[in-house]
PDB file of N, CA and C in Angstrom:
ATOM      1  N   UNK A   1     -16.371   1.363   9.113  1.00  0.00           N
ATOM      2  CA  UNK A   1     -15.446   0.678   8.208  1.00  0.00           C
ATOM      3  C   UNK A   1     -16.165   0.255   6.940  1.00  0.00           C
ATOM      4  N   UNK A   2     -17.406   0.631   6.775  1.00  0.00           N
ATOM      5  CA  UNK A   2     -18.158   0.261   5.585  1.00  0.00           C
ATOM      6  C   UNK A   2     -17.599   0.883   4.318  1.00  0.00           C
ATOM      7  N   UNK A   3     -17.016   2.070   4.423  1.00  0.00           N
ATOM      8  CA  UNK A   3     -16.493   2.744   3.244  1.00  0.00           C
ATOM      9  C   UNK A   3     -15.035   2.374   2.951  1.00  0.00           C
ATOM     10  N   UNK A   4     -14.456   1.487   3.734  1.00  0.00           N
ATOM     11  CA  UNK A   4     -13.073   1.078   3.521  1.00  0.00           C
ATOM     12  C   UNK A   4     -13.005  -0.034   2.478  1.00  0.00           C
ATOM     13  N   UNK A   5     -11.929  -0.010   1.722  1.00  0.00           N
ATOM     14  CA  UNK A   5     -11.681  -1.031   0.710  1.00  0.00           C
ATOM     15  C   UNK A   5     -10.340  -1.678   1.004  1.00  0.00           C
ATOM     16  N   UNK A   6     -10.111  -2.799   0.374  1.00  0.00           N
ATOM     17  CA  UNK A   6      -8.841  -3.503   0.548  1.00  0.00           C
ATOM     18  C   UNK A   6      -7.841  -2.994  -0.480  1.00  0.00           C
ATOM     19  N   UNK A   7      -6.678  -2.556   0.005  1.00  0.00           N
ATOM     20  CA  UNK A   7      -5.603  -2.058  -0.858  1.00  0.00           C
ATOM     21  C   UNK A   7      -4.361  -2.912  -0.667  1.00  0.00           C
ATOM     22  N   UNK A   8      -3.712  -3.223  -1.749  1.00  0.00           N
ATOM     23  CA  UNK A   8      -2.427  -3.894  -1.716  1.00  0.00           C
ATOM     24  C   UNK A   8      -1.348  -2.848  -1.935  1.00  0.00           C
ATOM     25  N   UNK A   9      -0.384  -2.824  -1.026  1.00  0.00           N
ATOM     26  CA  UNK A   9       0.758  -1.907  -1.139  1.00  0.00           C
ATOM     27  C   UNK A   9       1.972  -2.761  -1.477  1.00  0.00           C
ATOM     28  N   UNK A  10       2.593  -2.457  -2.604  1.00  0.00           N
ATOM     29  CA  UNK A  10       3.785  -3.205  -3.038  1.00  0.00           C
ATOM     30  C   UNK A  10       5.002  -2.306  -2.926  1.00  0.00           C
ATOM     31  N   UNK A  11       6.086  -2.858  -2.398  1.00  0.00           N
ATOM     32  CA  UNK A  11       7.332  -2.095  -2.274  1.00  0.00           C
ATOM     33  C   UNK A  11       8.516  -3.024  -2.486  1.00  0.00           C
ATOM     34  N   UNK A  12       9.668  -2.419  -2.679  1.00  0.00           N
ATOM     35  CA  UNK A  12      10.913  -3.181  -2.825  1.00  0.00           C
ATOM     36  C   UNK A  12      11.752  -2.971  -1.578  1.00  0.00           C
ATOM     37  N   UNK A  13      12.291  -4.073  -1.055  1.00  0.00           N
ATOM     38  CA  UNK A  13      13.122  -3.971   0.139  1.00  0.00           C
ATOM     39  C   UNK A  13      14.567  -3.656  -0.243  1.00  0.00           C
ATOM     40  N   UNK A  14      15.454  -3.687   0.720  1.00  0.00           N
ATOM     41  CA  UNK A  14      16.863  -3.324   0.495  1.00  0.00           C
ATOM     42  C   UNK A  14      17.545  -4.253  -0.499  1.00  0.00           C
ATOM     43  N   UNK A  15      17.018  -5.472  -0.675  1.00  0.00           N
ATOM     44  CA  UNK A  15      17.588  -6.427  -1.641  1.00  0.00           C
ATOM     45  C   UNK A  15      16.827  -6.432  -2.953  1.00  0.00           C
ATOM     46  N   UNK A  16      15.977  -5.419  -3.168  1.00  0.00           N
ATOM     47  CA  UNK A  16      15.167  -5.255  -4.383  1.00  0.00           C
ATOM     48  C   UNK A  16      14.137  -6.359  -4.578  1.00  0.00           C
ATOM     49  N   UNK A  17      13.764  -7.045  -3.529  1.00  0.00           N
ATOM     50  CA  UNK A  17      12.706  -8.038  -3.620  1.00  0.00           C
ATOM     51  C   UNK A  17      11.364  -7.338  -3.460  1.00  0.00           C
ATOM     52  N   UNK A  18      10.401  -7.722  -4.271  1.00  0.00           N
ATOM     53  CA  UNK A  18       9.061  -7.146  -4.164  1.00  0.00           C
ATOM     54  C   UNK A  18       8.311  -7.797  -3.014  1.00  0.00           C
ATOM     55  N   UNK A  19       7.690  -6.959  -2.199  1.00  0.00           N
ATOM     56  CA  UNK A  19       6.892  -7.420  -1.065  1.00  0.00           C
ATOM     57  C   UNK A  19       5.546  -6.729  -1.142  1.00  0.00           C
ATOM     58  N   UNK A  20       4.470  -7.471  -0.885  1.00  0.00           N
ATOM     59  CA  UNK A  20       3.128  -6.898  -0.894  1.00  0.00           C
ATOM     60  C   UNK A  20       2.485  -7.089   0.464  1.00  0.00           C
ATOM     61  N   UNK A  21       1.752  -6.068   0.905  1.00  0.00           N
ATOM     62  CA  UNK A  21       0.984  -6.112   2.146  1.00  0.00           C
ATOM     63  C   UNK A  21      -0.393  -5.549   1.848  1.00  0.00           C
ATOM     64  N   UNK A  22      -1.403  -6.050   2.545  1.00  0.00           N
ATOM     65  CA  UNK A  22      -2.779  -5.588   2.328  1.00  0.00           C
ATOM     66  C   UNK A  22      -3.273  -4.811   3.537  1.00  0.00           C
ATOM     67  N   UNK A  23      -4.038  -3.747   3.255  1.00  0.00           N
ATOM     68  CA  UNK A  23      -4.593  -2.879   4.289  1.00  0.00           C
ATOM     69  C   UNK A  23      -6.009  -2.488   3.895  1.00  0.00           C
ATOM     70  N   UNK A  24      -6.861  -2.307   4.888  1.00  0.00           N
ATOM     71  CA  UNK A  24      -8.198  -1.774   4.662  1.00  0.00           C
ATOM     72  C   UNK A  24      -8.135  -0.281   4.940  1.00  0.00           C
ATOM     73  N   UNK A  25      -8.497   0.511   3.921  1.00  0.00           N
ATOM     74  CA  UNK A  25      -8.382   1.963   4.031  1.00  0.00           C
ATOM     75  C   UNK A  25      -9.459   2.635   3.199  1.00  0.00           C
ATOM     76  N   UNK A  26      -9.658   3.916   3.467  1.00  0.00           N
ATOM     77  CA  UNK A  26     -10.647   4.693   2.732  1.00  0.00           C
ATOM     78  C   UNK A  26     -10.182   5.082   1.343  1.00  0.00           C
ATOM     79  N   UNK A  27      -8.862   5.242   1.165  1.00  0.00           N
ATOM     80  CA  UNK A  27      -8.306   5.592  -0.141  1.00  0.00           C
ATOM     81  C   UNK A  27      -6.839   5.157  -0.193  1.00  0.00           C
ATOM     82  N   UNK A  28      -6.212   5.374  -1.344  1.00  0.00           N
ATOM     83  CA  UNK A  28      -4.830   4.940  -1.545  1.00  0.00           C
ATOM     84  C   UNK A  28      -3.862   5.672  -0.625  1.00  0.00           C
ATOM     85  N   UNK A  29      -4.115   6.946  -0.368  1.00  0.00           N
ATOM     86  CA  UNK A  29      -3.229   7.705   0.513  1.00  0.00           C
ATOM     87  C   UNK A  29      -3.262   7.126   1.929  1.00  0.00           C
ATOM     88  N   UNK A  30      -4.450   6.798   2.411  1.00  0.00           N
ATOM     89  CA  UNK A  30      -4.566   6.212   3.747  1.00  0.00           C
ATOM     90  C   UNK A  30      -3.866   4.851   3.800  1.00  0.00           C
ATOM     91  N   UNK A  31      -3.970   4.064   2.735  1.00  0.00           N
ATOM     92  CA  UNK A  31      -3.277   2.781   2.679  1.00  0.00           C
ATOM     93  C   UNK A  31      -1.768   2.986   2.758  1.00  0.00           C
ATOM     94  N   UNK A  32      -1.270   4.023   2.101  1.00  0.00           N
ATOM     95  CA  UNK A  32       0.164   4.354   2.159  1.00  0.00           C
ATOM     96  C   UNK A  32       0.580   4.697   3.575  1.00  0.00           C
ATOM     97  N   UNK A  33      -0.219   5.519   4.241  1.00  0.00           N
ATOM     98  CA  UNK A  33       0.078   5.913   5.619  1.00  0.00           C
ATOM     99  C   UNK A  33       0.073   4.689   6.534  1.00  0.00           C
ATOM    100  N   UNK A  34      -0.918   3.809   6.378  1.00  0.00           N
ATOM    101  CA  UNK A  34      -0.973   2.603   7.190  1.00  0.00           C
ATOM    102  C   UNK A  34       0.251   1.720   6.967  1.00  0.00           C
ATOM    103  N   UNK A  35       0.679   1.604   5.724  1.00  0.00           N
ATOM    104  CA  UNK A  35       1.872   0.810   5.419  1.00  0.00           C
ATOM    105  C   UNK A  35       3.107   1.416   6.065  1.00  0.00           C
ATOM    106  N   UNK A  36       3.198   2.736   6.028  1.00  0.00           N
ATOM    107  CA  UNK A  36       4.350   3.405   6.639  1.00  0.00           C
ATOM    108  C   UNK A  36       4.349   3.215   8.157  1.00  0.00           C
ATOM    109  N   UNK A  37       3.178   3.158   8.775  1.00  0.00           N
ATOM    110  CA  UNK A  37       3.094   2.923  10.213  1.00  0.00           C
ATOM    111  C   UNK A  37       3.428   1.480  10.571  1.00  0.00           C
ATOM    112  N   UNK A  38       3.066   0.547   9.715  1.00  0.00           N
ATOM    113  CA  UNK A  38       3.216  -0.873  10.026  1.00  0.00           C
ATOM    114  C   UNK A  38       4.592  -1.454   9.676  1.00  0.00           C
ATOM    115  N   UNK A  39       5.243  -0.894   8.658  1.00  0.00           N
ATOM    116  CA  UNK A  39       6.500  -1.487   8.159  1.00  0.00           C
ATOM    117  C   UNK A  39       7.635  -0.483   8.356  1.00  0.00           C
ATOM    118  N   UNK A  40       8.583  -0.776   9.242  1.00  0.00           N
ATOM    119  CA  UNK A  40       9.683   0.159   9.490  1.00  0.00           C
ATOM    120  C   UNK A  40      10.481   0.518   8.230  1.00  0.00           C
ATOM    121  N   UNK A  41      10.689  -0.452   7.332  1.00  0.00           N
ATOM    122  CA  UNK A  41      11.455  -0.149   6.113  1.00  0.00           C
ATOM    123  C   UNK A  41      10.749   0.909   5.275  1.00  0.00           C
ATOM    124  N   UNK A  42       9.421   0.801   5.138  1.00  0.00           N
ATOM    125  CA  UNK A  42       8.673   1.790   4.361  1.00  0.00           C
ATOM    126  C   UNK A  42       8.702   3.147   5.071  1.00  0.00           C
ATOM    127  N   UNK A  43       8.614   3.126   6.393  1.00  0.00           N
ATOM    128  CA  UNK A  43       8.677   4.382   7.147  1.00  0.00           C
ATOM    129  C   UNK A  43       9.986   5.122   6.849  1.00  0.00           C
ATOM    130  N   UNK A  44      11.085   4.376   6.777  1.00  0.00           N
ATOM    131  CA  UNK A  44      12.396   4.974   6.522  1.00  0.00           C
ATOM    132  C   UNK A  44      12.677   5.205   5.043  1.00  0.00           C
ATOM    133  N   UNK A  45      11.955   4.514   4.166  1.00  0.00           N
ATOM    134  CA  UNK A  45      12.159   4.610   2.714  1.00  0.00           C
ATOM    135  C   UNK A  45      10.809   4.688   2.006  1.00  0.00           C
ATOM    136  N   UNK A  46      10.051   5.767   2.174  1.00  0.00           N
ATOM    137  CA  UNK A  46       8.702   5.825   1.597  1.00  0.00           C
ATOM    138  C   UNK A  46       8.668   5.737   0.077  1.00  0.00           C
ATOM    139  N   UNK A  47       9.768   6.076  -0.588  1.00  0.00           N
ATOM    140  CA  UNK A  47       9.790   5.994  -2.049  1.00  0.00           C
ATOM    141  C   UNK A  47      10.009   4.563  -2.542  1.00  0.00           C
ATOM    142  N   UNK A  48      10.153   3.622  -1.613  1.00  0.00           N
ATOM    143  CA  UNK A  48      10.277   2.217  -2.007  1.00  0.00           C
ATOM    144  C   UNK A  48       8.932   1.659  -2.479  1.00  0.00           C
ATOM    145  N   UNK A  49       7.833   2.333  -2.135  1.00  0.00           N
ATOM    146  CA  UNK A  49       6.511   1.892  -2.590  1.00  0.00           C
ATOM    147  C   UNK A  49       6.421   2.134  -4.092  1.00  0.00           C
ATOM    148  N   UNK A  50       6.085   1.094  -4.844  1.00  0.00           N
ATOM    149  CA  UNK A  50       5.965   1.276  -6.295  1.00  0.00           C
ATOM    150  C   UNK A  50       4.549   1.025  -6.811  1.00  0.00           C
ATOM    151  N   UNK A  51       3.623   0.572  -5.933  1.00  0.00           N
ATOM    152  CA  UNK A  51       2.251   0.351  -6.380  1.00  0.00           C
ATOM    153  C   UNK A  51       1.319   0.320  -5.176  1.00  0.00           C
ATOM    154  N   UNK A  52       0.178   0.969  -5.328  1.00  0.00           N
ATOM    155  CA  UNK A  52      -0.920   0.823  -4.380  1.00  0.00           C
ATOM    156  C   UNK A  52      -2.131   0.473  -5.225  1.00  0.00           C
ATOM    157  N   UNK A  53      -2.653  -0.739  -5.010  1.00  0.00           N
ATOM    158  CA  UNK A  53      -3.728  -1.266  -5.855  1.00  0.00           C
ATOM    159  C   UNK A  53      -4.973  -1.512  -5.011  1.00  0.00           C
ATOM    160  N   UNK A  54      -6.096  -0.979  -5.470  1.00  0.00           N
ATOM    161  CA  UNK A  54      -7.371  -1.241  -4.814  1.00  0.00           C
ATOM    162  C   UNK A  54      -7.876  -2.594  -5.289  1.00  0.00           C
ATOM    163  N   UNK A  55      -8.198  -3.463  -4.350  1.00  0.00           N
ATOM    164  CA  UNK A  55      -8.654  -4.810  -4.695  1.00  0.00           C
ATOM    165  C   UNK A  55     -10.158  -4.869  -4.923  1.00  0.00           C
ATOM    166  N   UNK A  56     -10.842  -3.752  -4.767  1.00  0.00           N
ATOM    167  CA  UNK A  56     -12.278  -3.680  -5.036  1.00  0.00           C
ATOM    168  C   UNK A  56     -12.475  -3.799  -6.538  1.00  0.00           C
ATOM    169  N   UNK A  57     -13.319  -4.691  -6.977  1.00  0.00           N
ATOM    170  CA  UNK A  57     -13.499  -4.973  -8.404  1.00  0.00           C
ATOM    171  C   UNK A  57     -13.965  -3.746  -9.196  1.00  0.00           C
ATOM    172  N   UNK A  58     -14.646  -2.804  -8.572  1.00  0.00           N
ATOM    173  CA  UNK A  58     -15.165  -1.641  -9.275  1.00  0.00           C
ATOM    174  C   UNK A  58     -14.163  -0.509  -9.393  1.00  0.00           C
ATOM    175  N   UNK A  59     -13.097  -0.522  -8.600  1.00  0.00           N
ATOM    176  CA  UNK A  59     -12.228   0.647  -8.510  1.00  0.00           C
ATOM    177  C   UNK A  59     -11.043   0.642  -9.462  1.00  0.00           C
ATOM    178  N   UNK A  60     -10.553  -0.498  -9.857  1.00  0.00           N
ATOM    179  CA  UNK A  60      -9.409  -0.524 -10.755  1.00  0.00           C
ATOM    180  C   UNK A  60      -8.099  -0.351 -10.013  1.00  0.00           C
ATOM    181  N   UNK A  61      -7.046   0.066 -10.742  1.00  0.00           N
ATOM    182  CA  UNK A  61      -5.701   0.175 -10.190  1.00  0.00           C
ATOM    183  C   UNK A  61      -5.405   1.631  -9.846  1.00  0.00           C
ATOM    184  N   UNK A  62      -4.801   1.819  -8.665  1.00  0.00           N
ATOM    185  CA  UNK A  62      -4.371   3.146  -8.250  1.00  0.00           C
ATOM    186  C   UNK A  62      -2.890   3.074  -7.926  1.00  0.00           C
ATOM    187  N   UNK A  63      -2.093   3.828  -8.605  1.00  0.00           N
ATOM    188  CA  UNK A  63      -0.650   3.791  -8.376  1.00  0.00           C
ATOM    189  C   UNK A  63      -0.226   4.902  -7.425  1.00  0.00           C
ATOM    190  N   UNK A  64       0.844   4.634  -6.711  1.00  0.00           N
ATOM    191  CA  UNK A  64       1.366   5.640  -5.779  1.00  0.00           C
ATOM    192  C   UNK A  64       2.281   6.591  -6.491  1.00  0.00           C
TER     193      UNK A  64
END
């Protein structure tokens, strides 16, 4: 897990409210997959994700 970074996955729910969840992953794609496994709404609506941000100070912002 040394190569994993903290990613914030932001999505909008059925009421258009923004929700953020954090995951430790190797890259943004893996963070997306983890979010889809953990949150049933994202699993059923993967296009609801509007941002995947790496919280590592050196990496910057990564969008989905």
